[in-house]
Amino acid sequence: MGLGIVIGIIDTGIDYSHPAFQNHDGTTRILSIWDQTDQSGKPPSGFAFGSEYTKNHINTALKSPLPLNIVPEVDTIGHGTAVSSIISGSHNEENSFMGIVPQSKLAVVKLKEAKENLKQIYFIPNYSLCYQESDIMLGIRYLLGVAEQLNRPLILCICMGSSQGGHDGRGPLCSYLDQLTRQPRIGTVIAAGNEAALKRHYYCYSHTPPFYSGFDLKVGTEDRMFSMEIWPFPAGRITLELYSPDCEIVSSHYTSINTCQTFSLSQGQSSVFINNIILEGSTGDQMILVRFDNPLPGIWHCRVKSEGNEPFSFHCWLPSGNLITADTRFYQSDPNTTITSPGDARVPLTVAAYNQLDNCFLEESGRGFSRFGEIVPDVSAPGFKIPCALPGNRYGTLTGTGAAAAHAAGAAAMIMEWGFVRGNHTPITGVKANRMIIRCAKRDNAYFYPNNIWGYGRIDMLHFFEQISTFT
């Protein structure tokens, strides 16, 4: 039931007054909250911003007629509340609800939105919800401190992601999570993302002369600022040409280390900014970053050509989530290689989603593999209309890989309790817990495993407990 386990949530916050996060006596099951958006209180020790609210603060607020005057923490979006409750929600008989591990404790980080200058650099609309990777990493560091102070195992659950980067697990956040998950008593579970059905990924392998590829990008009328990333495989060097809907040509014929080319189109006041980077910072690979400012709606034709007149291949991604509308997409899209970062990290457990009512894979669930063929996702978990708590003392459902990752985080907490708290395997690490989940996953004879949709199969904790003697 998660006894003795800390569940670390980095998300949109939590409705701490919800009964799903209270004990039978009305006290909170939340150990602490770091609200990065709230500058009215005292930051956590070792941090320079935000406000920390401890269990004592929360219990005092729950007894007050004006709780927000004491702990002004709210979750206006509801995603963090839903994810937290799926993992750790208290039993509520009236609503037929209970989290996966209701005896676990919660530590929560509410992320602040990305800085405006970063949004401007990456052409992210002001109305879009977007967070900084550095703030996520600081949130992880905070949660590690909470668990270390109590000497309890920690399960991190990250249910957000980005399509920026090389989808190869080599970015700063992925590397950090890889390192942590190898340490004792720290597990990490990550959602695979919900990008597979949105037509925001294109892949091409050009193996015959004249070694170029053309593909079409449809730009919706509401998307006035967005970016696109093109990542060739390391052996190739490519150039890019764009043809606007009114047939103006934008050409980037050379690569550089840090030069940005600016193109102003004569029609529609459109501008295109192209960074054809020969040595991208995290990977050393070539990456072409294209940023559109007030682009003409319609079909933009993209032409990629080999600089060395040799076979080449590349991936191309559009932004994820709500950063663009569904009207902006590739016509010849590929649903594979759509797992969002940090889900492409090598060591954490990356979780896809399926409909537990009919055992069919969710169409929107991110698919593997990584850009270089590493196996992701690792497993699949139930993710269709999973019961959860919602702000305002309500209950509802959550669909997607966030719900599936929450389910898997509960499974990882069970294993950590079995291993460390109950003394069956005290040196247990996140890697070992992940391997136990993978070994006991349910696999159908109709598929080869691992595959880029189901990973190693569907999580099956009943099978784990049946086979538990093999781990002792």
Protein backbone atom coordinates (compact mmCIF):
# COMPACT_ATOMS: atom_id res chain seq x y z
CA MET A 1 0.00 0.00 0.00
CA GLY A 2 3.04 2.29 -0.21
CA LEU A 3 3.81 2.33 3.51
CA GLY A 4 6.99 4.32 4.20
CA ILE A 5 7.35 5.57 0.62
CA VAL A 6 7.56 9.21 -0.50
CA ILE A 7 5.89 9.98 -3.83
CA GLY A 8 7.50 13.01 -5.50
CA ILE A 9 5.23 14.96 -7.88
CA ILE A 10 6.50 17.73 -10.17
CA ASP A 11 3.49 19.20 -11.92
CA THR A 12 0.83 21.94 -11.80
CA GLY A 13 0.42 21.84 -8.01
CA ILE A 14 -2.12 20.13 -5.76
CA ASP A 15 -5.44 20.90 -4.11
CA TYR A 16 -4.22 20.08 -0.59
CA SER A 17 -7.71 20.51 0.91
CA HIS A 18 -9.13 17.62 -1.12
CA PRO A 19 -10.20 14.60 1.01
CA ALA A 20 -8.08 12.39 -1.26
CA PHE A 21 -4.99 13.75 0.46
CA GLN A 22 -6.18 13.48 4.06
CA ASN A 23 -6.01 10.82 6.74
CA HIS A 24 -9.13 9.54 8.51
CA ASP A 25 -8.68 12.17 11.23
CA GLY A 26 -8.60 15.00 8.67
CA THR A 27 -4.84 15.62 8.84
CA THR A 28 -2.83 15.86 5.64
CA ARG A 29 -0.84 13.10 3.98
CA ILE A 30 1.28 15.69 2.19
CA LEU A 31 4.76 16.09 3.65
CA SER A 32 5.53 19.40 1.97
CA ILE A 33 4.79 21.62 -1.02
CA TRP A 34 7.27 23.83 -2.86
CA ASP A 35 5.24 26.34 -4.83
CA GLN A 36 7.66 27.92 -7.29
CA THR A 37 5.02 30.43 -8.39
CA ASP A 38 4.43 31.88 -4.91
CA GLN A 39 6.96 34.46 -3.72
CA SER A 40 5.03 35.49 -0.58
CA GLY A 41 6.49 32.87 1.75
CA LYS A 42 9.89 31.46 2.66
CA PRO A 43 11.78 29.46 0.02
CA PRO A 44 13.06 25.98 0.91
CA SER A 45 16.51 25.83 2.44
CA GLY A 46 19.12 26.08 -0.30
CA PHE A 47 16.75 27.62 -2.86
CA ALA A 48 16.28 31.27 -3.77
CA PHE A 49 12.67 31.51 -4.90
CA GLY A 50 9.18 30.16 -4.31
CA SER A 51 7.51 29.24 -1.02
CA GLU A 52 7.70 26.02 0.98
CA TYR A 53 4.74 24.81 3.01
CA THR A 54 5.33 21.94 5.44
CA LYS A 55 2.91 19.39 6.85
CA ASN A 56 2.39 21.62 9.89
CA HIS A 57 1.47 24.58 7.68
CA ILE A 58 -1.02 22.46 5.76
CA ASN A 59 -2.63 20.96 8.89
CA THR A 60 -3.05 24.45 10.34
CA ALA A 61 -4.64 25.62 7.09
CA LEU A 62 -7.05 22.66 7.03
CA LYS A 63 -8.39 23.71 10.45
CA SER A 64 -8.80 27.33 9.42
CA PRO A 65 -11.99 28.86 7.91
CA LEU A 66 -9.68 30.67 5.48
CA PRO A 67 -7.07 28.03 4.56
CA LEU A 68 -5.67 29.94 1.56
CA ASN A 69 -4.60 32.74 3.89
CA ILE A 70 -2.18 30.28 5.50
CA VAL A 71 -1.21 28.07 2.53
CA PRO A 72 -2.11 29.91 -0.70
CA GLU A 73 -1.50 26.84 -2.85
CA VAL A 74 -4.00 26.11 -5.64
CA ASP A 75 -4.01 23.90 -8.71
CA THR A 76 -5.94 25.87 -11.32
CA ILE A 77 -5.24 23.32 -14.06
CA GLY A 78 -5.93 20.16 -12.07
CA HIS A 79 -3.36 17.88 -13.67
CA GLY A 80 -1.08 17.68 -10.64
CA THR A 81 -4.03 16.96 -8.35
CA ALA A 82 -5.25 14.18 -10.65
CA VAL A 83 -1.85 12.50 -10.99
CA SER A 84 -1.16 12.69 -7.24
CA SER A 85 -4.51 11.13 -6.41
CA ILE A 86 -4.15 8.24 -8.85
CA ILE A 87 -0.93 7.26 -7.13
CA SER A 88 -1.68 8.09 -3.51
CA GLY A 89 -5.33 9.08 -3.07
CA SER A 90 -7.12 8.06 0.14
CA HIS A 91 -10.03 5.65 -0.04
CA ASN A 92 -13.42 7.27 -0.64
CA GLU A 93 -16.24 4.74 -0.51
CA GLU A 94 -18.94 7.15 -1.68
CA ASN A 95 -17.08 7.80 -4.94
CA SER A 96 -15.67 4.26 -5.23
CA PHE A 97 -12.18 5.75 -5.30
CA MET A 98 -8.78 4.76 -3.98
CA GLY A 99 -5.24 5.46 -5.17
CA ILE A 100 -2.79 2.71 -6.05
CA VAL A 101 -0.76 3.12 -2.82
CA PRO A 102 -2.91 5.11 -0.36
CA GLN A 103 -0.51 4.68 2.58
CA SER A 104 2.30 6.54 0.81
CA LYS A 105 3.16 10.18 1.56
CA LEU A 106 3.31 13.01 -0.98
CA ALA A 107 5.89 15.71 -1.61
CA VAL A 108 4.85 18.18 -4.31
CA VAL A 109 6.53 20.78 -6.50
CA LYS A 110 4.34 23.28 -8.32
CA LEU A 111 6.33 24.50 -11.31
CA LYS A 112 6.46 28.12 -12.32
CA GLU A 113 6.02 28.97 -15.99
CA ALA A 114 9.02 29.54 -18.22
CA LYS A 115 10.58 33.00 -18.32
CA GLU A 116 9.30 35.33 -21.01
CA ASN A 117 12.71 35.71 -22.67
CA LEU A 118 12.94 31.93 -23.11
CA LYS A 119 9.45 31.84 -24.58
CA GLN A 120 10.50 34.50 -27.05
CA ILE A 121 13.65 32.63 -28.03
CA TYR A 122 11.72 29.44 -28.81
CA PHE A 123 8.71 31.27 -30.29
CA ILE A 124 6.28 29.95 -27.69
CA PRO A 125 2.97 31.88 -27.56
CA ASN A 126 2.33 33.76 -24.33
CA TYR A 127 -0.92 31.89 -23.72
CA SER A 128 0.71 28.45 -23.91
CA LEU A 129 1.60 26.55 -20.75
CA CYS A 130 5.33 25.89 -20.75
CA TYR A 131 7.95 25.08 -18.10
CA GLN A 132 11.74 25.26 -17.87
CA GLU A 133 13.88 22.16 -17.73
CA SER A 134 16.07 23.84 -15.10
CA ASP A 135 13.05 24.35 -12.79
CA ILE A 136 12.16 20.67 -13.12
CA MET A 137 15.70 19.72 -12.15
CA LEU A 138 15.55 22.03 -9.13
CA GLY A 139 12.23 20.43 -8.19
CA ILE A 140 13.85 16.99 -8.30
CA ARG A 141 16.67 18.21 -6.07
CA TYR A 142 14.12 19.51 -3.57
CA LEU A 143 12.23 16.21 -3.48
CA LEU A 144 15.47 14.29 -2.97
CA GLY A 145 16.13 16.44 0.08
CA VAL A 146 12.67 15.74 1.52
CA ALA A 147 13.10 11.98 1.20
CA GLU A 148 16.70 12.03 2.46
CA GLN A 149 15.72 13.97 5.56
CA LEU A 150 13.16 11.28 6.43
CA ASN A 151 15.40 8.40 5.25
CA ARG A 152 12.60 7.08 3.09
CA PRO A 153 12.57 5.73 -0.48
CA LEU A 154 11.46 8.19 -3.14
CA ILE A 155 9.43 7.52 -6.29
CA LEU A 156 9.55 10.44 -8.72
CA CYS A 157 6.65 10.72 -11.14
CA ILE A 158 7.05 13.07 -14.11
CA CYS A 159 3.95 13.36 -16.27
CA MET A 160 5.01 16.10 -18.67
CA GLY A 161 7.31 16.19 -21.64
CA SER A 162 8.72 18.08 -24.59
CA SER A 163 9.40 17.32 -28.25
CA GLN A 164 12.41 19.63 -28.22
CA GLY A 165 15.78 17.97 -28.45
CA GLY A 166 17.22 14.96 -30.22
CA HIS A 167 14.93 12.28 -28.72
CA ASP A 168 18.05 10.31 -27.80
CA GLY A 169 18.11 10.52 -24.00
CA ARG A 170 21.29 12.61 -23.93
CA GLY A 171 19.89 15.92 -22.68
CA PRO A 172 20.65 17.39 -19.23
CA LEU A 173 17.40 16.27 -17.57
CA CYS A 174 17.61 12.75 -19.03
CA SER A 175 21.22 12.37 -17.91
CA TYR A 176 20.33 13.59 -14.41
CA LEU A 177 17.45 11.11 -14.11
CA ASP A 178 19.63 8.28 -15.44
CA GLN A 179 22.14 8.96 -12.67
CA LEU A 180 19.53 9.21 -9.91
CA THR A 181 17.65 6.05 -10.86
CA ARG A 182 20.82 3.99 -10.42
CA GLN A 183 21.05 5.06 -6.78
CA PRO A 184 19.53 3.11 -3.86
CA ARG A 185 15.91 3.83 -2.90
CA ILE A 186 15.21 6.25 -5.78
CA GLY A 187 12.76 5.27 -8.50
CA THR A 188 11.74 7.36 -11.51
CA VAL A 189 8.63 6.91 -13.63
CA ILE A 190 8.00 9.04 -16.72
CA ALA A 191 5.01 9.38 -19.04
CA ALA A 192 5.64 8.62 -22.72
CA GLY A 193 3.62 11.64 -23.86
CA ASN A 194 0.47 11.90 -25.95
CA GLU A 195 1.91 12.92 -29.33
CA ALA A 196 1.54 9.84 -31.54
CA ALA A 197 -1.76 10.80 -33.18
CA LEU A 198 -1.09 14.53 -33.66
CA LYS A 199 1.00 14.22 -36.85
CA ARG A 200 3.90 16.26 -35.49
CA HIS A 201 6.75 13.92 -36.45
CA TYR A 202 8.25 13.24 -39.87
CA TYR A 203 10.99 10.76 -40.78
CA CYS A 204 12.83 10.17 -44.05
CA TYR A 205 15.64 7.98 -45.32
CA SER A 206 17.00 9.10 -48.69
CA HIS A 207 19.19 6.39 -50.23
CA THR A 208 19.15 7.11 -53.99
CA PRO A 209 20.48 10.07 -56.01
CA PRO A 210 19.96 13.04 -56.06
CA PHE A 211 19.76 12.55 -52.24
CA TYR A 212 17.07 14.97 -51.20
CA SER A 213 13.68 14.71 -49.54
CA GLY A 214 10.62 16.87 -49.83
CA PHE A 215 7.76 16.97 -47.35
CA ASP A 216 4.80 19.23 -46.61
CA LEU A 217 3.99 21.14 -43.45
CA LYS A 218 0.47 22.48 -43.02
CA VAL A 219 0.36 25.67 -40.94
CA GLY A 220 -2.93 26.42 -39.18
CA THR A 221 -4.48 29.86 -39.10
CA GLU A 222 -4.19 30.22 -35.32
CA ASP A 223 -0.49 29.34 -35.03
CA ARG A 224 1.34 32.64 -35.39
CA MET A 225 4.59 31.65 -33.66
CA PHE A 226 6.17 28.21 -33.43
CA SER A 227 9.37 26.30 -34.12
CA MET A 228 10.42 23.11 -35.90
CA GLU A 229 13.53 20.98 -35.33
CA ILE A 230 15.29 18.77 -37.90
CA TRP A 231 17.82 16.20 -36.68
CA PRO A 232 19.88 14.23 -39.26
CA PHE A 233 21.81 11.14 -38.26
CA PRO A 234 25.40 11.99 -37.32
CA ALA A 235 27.03 10.82 -40.56
CA GLY A 236 25.03 13.24 -42.73
CA ARG A 237 25.11 17.00 -43.22
CA ILE A 238 22.02 18.60 -44.68
CA THR A 239 20.70 21.91 -45.98
CA LEU A 240 17.12 23.18 -46.01
CA GLU A 241 14.87 25.03 -48.42
CA LEU A 242 11.35 26.22 -47.61
CA TYR A 243 8.65 27.15 -50.11
CA SER A 244 5.87 29.29 -48.65
CA PRO A 245 2.21 28.86 -49.68
CA ASP A 246 2.66 31.73 -52.19
CA CYS A 247 5.87 30.10 -53.56
CA GLU A 248 8.50 32.35 -52.00
CA ILE A 249 11.75 30.47 -51.34
CA VAL A 250 13.76 30.44 -48.13
CA SER A 251 17.17 28.74 -48.41
CA SER A 252 19.72 27.81 -45.77
CA HIS A 253 22.71 26.60 -47.75
CA TYR A 254 25.38 26.46 -45.08
CA THR A 255 25.92 25.18 -41.58
CA SER A 256 27.49 27.14 -38.74
CA ILE A 257 28.15 26.93 -35.01
CA ASN A 258 25.91 29.72 -33.78
CA THR A 259 24.71 31.83 -36.75
CA CYS A 260 21.03 32.61 -37.24
CA GLN A 261 19.77 33.46 -40.74
CA THR A 262 16.75 35.76 -40.93
CA PHE A 263 14.39 35.79 -43.91
CA SER A 264 11.59 38.32 -44.36
CA LEU A 265 8.97 37.29 -46.88
CA SER A 266 7.38 39.94 -49.08
CA GLN A 267 3.84 38.66 -48.64
CA GLY A 268 1.91 38.53 -45.37
CA GLN A 269 4.67 40.04 -43.18
CA SER A 270 6.04 36.56 -42.47
CA SER A 271 9.53 35.99 -41.09
CA VAL A 272 11.54 32.77 -40.87
CA PHE A 273 14.62 32.33 -38.64
CA ILE A 274 16.93 29.38 -39.35
CA ASN A 275 19.74 28.15 -37.13
CA ASN A 276 21.59 25.45 -39.09
CA ILE A 277 23.78 24.31 -36.19
CA ILE A 278 26.61 21.93 -36.98
CA LEU A 279 27.42 21.16 -33.31
CA GLU A 280 24.31 21.12 -31.12
CA GLY A 281 25.24 21.69 -27.47
CA SER A 282 24.01 18.48 -25.77
CA THR A 283 24.77 15.96 -28.50
CA GLY A 284 27.35 17.35 -30.93
CA ASP A 285 25.00 16.43 -33.79
CA GLN A 286 23.72 18.74 -36.50
CA MET A 287 20.35 20.31 -35.80
CA ILE A 288 18.33 22.76 -37.88
CA LEU A 289 16.05 24.96 -35.79
CA VAL A 290 13.38 26.75 -37.84
CA ARG A 291 11.27 29.45 -36.17
CA PHE A 292 8.18 30.85 -37.84
CA ASP A 293 6.88 34.34 -37.02
CA ASN A 294 3.44 35.17 -38.42
CA PRO A 295 3.67 32.48 -41.14
CA LEU A 296 1.18 32.38 -43.97
CA PRO A 297 -1.44 29.69 -43.27
CA GLY A 298 -1.42 26.87 -45.74
CA ILE A 299 1.08 24.34 -47.06
CA TRP A 300 4.78 25.01 -46.66
CA HIS A 301 6.96 22.67 -48.71
CA CYS A 302 10.23 21.67 -47.07
CA ARG A 303 13.17 20.35 -49.06
CA VAL A 304 16.13 18.73 -47.28
CA LYS A 305 19.28 17.91 -49.26
CA SER A 306 22.56 16.17 -48.45
CA GLU A 307 25.57 18.48 -48.44
CA GLY A 308 27.88 15.59 -49.26
CA ASN A 309 25.69 14.10 -52.03
CA GLU A 310 25.36 10.83 -50.10
CA PRO A 311 22.57 8.82 -48.46
CA PHE A 312 21.13 10.41 -45.35
CA SER A 313 18.21 10.21 -42.93
CA PHE A 314 16.60 12.65 -40.54
CA HIS A 315 13.78 13.18 -38.06
CA CYS A 316 11.69 16.33 -37.82
CA TRP A 317 9.51 17.35 -34.86
CA LEU A 318 6.98 20.08 -34.20
CA PRO A 319 6.26 21.35 -30.65
CA SER A 320 4.25 19.15 -28.30
CA GLY A 321 1.17 19.69 -26.18
CA ASN A 322 -0.67 22.99 -26.38
CA LEU A 323 2.24 24.93 -27.91
CA ILE A 324 0.55 24.61 -31.32
CA THR A 325 -2.95 23.66 -32.46
CA ALA A 326 -3.92 20.40 -34.14
CA ASP A 327 -4.19 22.28 -37.46
CA THR A 328 -0.40 22.56 -37.76
CA ARG A 329 0.97 19.17 -38.79
CA PHE A 330 2.94 17.13 -41.33
CA TYR A 331 1.02 15.56 -44.19
CA GLN A 332 3.36 12.54 -44.40
CA SER A 333 3.67 12.16 -40.65
CA ASP A 334 5.09 9.17 -38.76
CA PRO A 335 3.58 8.18 -35.37
CA ASN A 336 6.79 6.45 -34.27
CA THR A 337 9.64 8.13 -32.35
CA THR A 338 7.09 10.39 -30.66
CA ILE A 339 7.98 9.79 -27.01
CA THR A 340 8.57 13.14 -25.38
CA SER A 341 11.63 14.04 -23.32
CA PRO A 342 12.57 13.03 -20.63
CA GLY A 343 10.71 9.83 -21.53
CA ASP A 344 13.60 8.88 -23.83
CA ALA A 345 15.97 8.62 -20.87
CA ARG A 346 17.67 5.22 -20.72
CA VAL A 347 17.31 4.17 -17.06
CA PRO A 348 13.94 5.47 -15.71
CA LEU A 349 10.73 3.57 -16.37
CA THR A 350 8.96 5.13 -19.36
CA VAL A 351 5.29 4.23 -19.54
CA ALA A 352 2.87 4.10 -22.47
CA ALA A 353 -0.91 3.90 -22.06
CA TYR A 354 -3.61 1.45 -23.09
CA ASN A 355 -7.35 1.12 -22.61
CA GLN A 356 -7.75 -1.35 -19.75
CA LEU A 357 -11.39 -2.00 -20.75
CA ASP A 358 -10.53 -3.63 -24.09
CA ASN A 359 -6.71 -3.96 -23.85
CA CYS A 360 -6.25 -1.78 -26.95
CA PHE A 361 -3.37 0.67 -27.13
CA LEU A 362 -4.32 4.34 -26.84
CA GLU A 363 -3.90 5.99 -30.21
CA GLU A 364 -2.37 9.14 -28.73
CA SER A 365 0.18 7.33 -26.55
CA GLY A 366 3.78 8.12 -27.53
CA ARG A 367 5.64 5.45 -29.48
CA GLY A 368 9.30 4.47 -29.57
CA PHE A 369 11.96 3.88 -30.19
CA SER A 370 14.45 6.67 -29.47
CA ARG A 371 16.25 8.35 -32.39
CA PHE A 372 19.11 5.87 -32.07
CA GLY A 373 16.94 2.81 -31.44
CA GLU A 374 17.07 2.51 -27.63
CA ILE A 375 14.07 0.67 -26.23
CA VAL A 376 11.31 3.01 -25.09
CA PRO A 377 8.67 2.76 -23.79
CA ASP A 378 9.60 0.19 -21.17
CA VAL A 379 6.07 -0.97 -20.30
CA SER A 380 2.43 0.00 -20.74
CA ALA A 381 -0.14 0.70 -18.04
CA PRO A 382 -3.87 1.46 -17.83
CA GLY A 383 -4.54 5.01 -19.03
CA PHE A 384 -8.17 5.29 -20.11
CA LYS A 385 -10.55 7.28 -17.89
CA ILE A 386 -8.64 6.43 -14.73
CA PRO A 387 -10.58 7.63 -11.61
CA CYS A 388 -8.91 10.61 -9.95
CA ALA A 389 -9.45 13.61 -7.70
CA LEU A 390 -10.08 17.04 -9.17
CA PRO A 391 -9.77 20.49 -7.55
CA GLY A 392 -12.77 21.66 -5.59
CA ASN A 393 -13.40 18.36 -3.74
CA ARG A 394 -14.54 16.76 -6.99
CA TYR A 395 -13.80 13.39 -8.53
CA GLY A 396 -13.46 12.58 -12.22
CA THR A 397 -11.21 10.71 -14.64
CA LEU A 398 -7.90 11.23 -16.45
CA THR A 399 -6.94 9.69 -19.80
CA GLY A 400 -3.46 9.52 -21.31
CA THR A 401 0.08 8.54 -20.47
CA GLY A 402 0.06 10.77 -17.37
CA ALA A 403 -2.57 8.49 -15.87
CA ALA A 404 -0.57 5.43 -16.97
CA ALA A 405 2.65 6.79 -15.43
CA ALA A 406 0.80 7.46 -12.18
CA HIS A 407 -0.41 3.84 -12.20
CA ALA A 408 3.17 2.65 -12.79
CA ALA A 409 4.52 4.93 -10.04
CA GLY A 410 2.19 3.16 -7.63
CA ALA A 411 3.59 -0.16 -8.80
CA ALA A 412 7.16 1.07 -8.27
CA ALA A 413 6.20 2.21 -4.74
CA MET A 414 4.92 -1.28 -3.96
CA ILE A 415 8.25 -2.78 -4.95
CA MET A 416 10.22 -0.20 -2.95
CA GLU A 417 8.10 -1.01 0.10
CA TRP A 418 8.66 -4.73 -0.40
CA GLY A 419 12.40 -4.26 -0.90
CA PHE A 420 13.48 -1.55 1.56
CA VAL A 421 10.70 -0.93 4.09
CA ARG A 422 9.95 -4.62 4.65
CA GLY A 423 13.63 -5.58 4.47
CA ASN A 424 13.45 -8.08 1.61
CA HIS A 425 16.12 -6.34 -0.49
CA THR A 426 17.39 -3.19 1.23
CA PRO A 427 19.97 -2.20 -1.48
CA ILE A 428 17.13 -1.87 -4.01
CA THR A 429 17.60 0.81 -6.68
CA GLY A 430 15.23 2.29 -9.21
CA VAL A 431 16.90 0.22 -11.91
CA LYS A 432 16.19 -3.01 -10.02
CA ALA A 433 12.58 -2.02 -9.38
CA ASN A 434 12.14 -1.25 -13.08
CA ARG A 435 13.57 -4.62 -14.07
CA MET A 436 11.19 -6.40 -11.72
CA ILE A 437 8.27 -4.61 -13.33
CA ILE A 438 9.56 -5.48 -16.81
CA ARG A 439 10.16 -9.15 -16.00
CA CYS A 440 6.67 -9.62 -14.62
CA ALA A 441 4.89 -7.68 -17.37
CA LYS A 442 2.12 -9.45 -19.25
CA ARG A 443 3.05 -10.31 -22.84
CA ASP A 444 0.71 -11.54 -25.56
CA ASN A 445 1.71 -14.20 -28.05
CA ALA A 446 0.55 -11.96 -30.90
CA TYR A 447 3.50 -9.54 -30.48
CA PHE A 448 7.28 -9.62 -30.39
CA TYR A 449 8.81 -7.94 -27.33
CA PRO A 450 10.14 -5.41 -26.75
CA ASN A 451 8.35 -3.34 -29.35
CA ASN A 452 7.93 0.39 -29.88
CA ILE A 453 4.26 0.41 -28.80
CA TRP A 454 3.95 -1.80 -25.72
CA GLY A 455 7.59 -1.92 -24.65
CA TYR A 456 8.09 -5.16 -22.73
CA GLY A 457 4.36 -5.60 -22.12
CA ARG A 458 1.59 -4.51 -19.75
CA ILE A 459 2.28 -3.97 -16.05
CA ASP A 460 1.06 -6.97 -14.04
CA MET A 461 1.65 -6.57 -10.30
CA LEU A 462 -0.33 -9.71 -9.48
CA HIS A 463 2.28 -11.65 -11.44
CA PHE A 464 5.02 -9.85 -9.51
CA PHE A 465 3.62 -10.93 -6.16
CA GLU A 466 3.12 -14.46 -7.45
CA GLN A 467 6.76 -14.58 -8.52
CA ILE A 468 8.18 -12.63 -5.56
CA SER A 469 10.02 -15.65 -4.16
CA THR A 470 12.35 -15.63 -7.20
CA PHE A 471 13.72 -12.25 -6.10
CA THR A 472 14.68 -13.37 -2.56
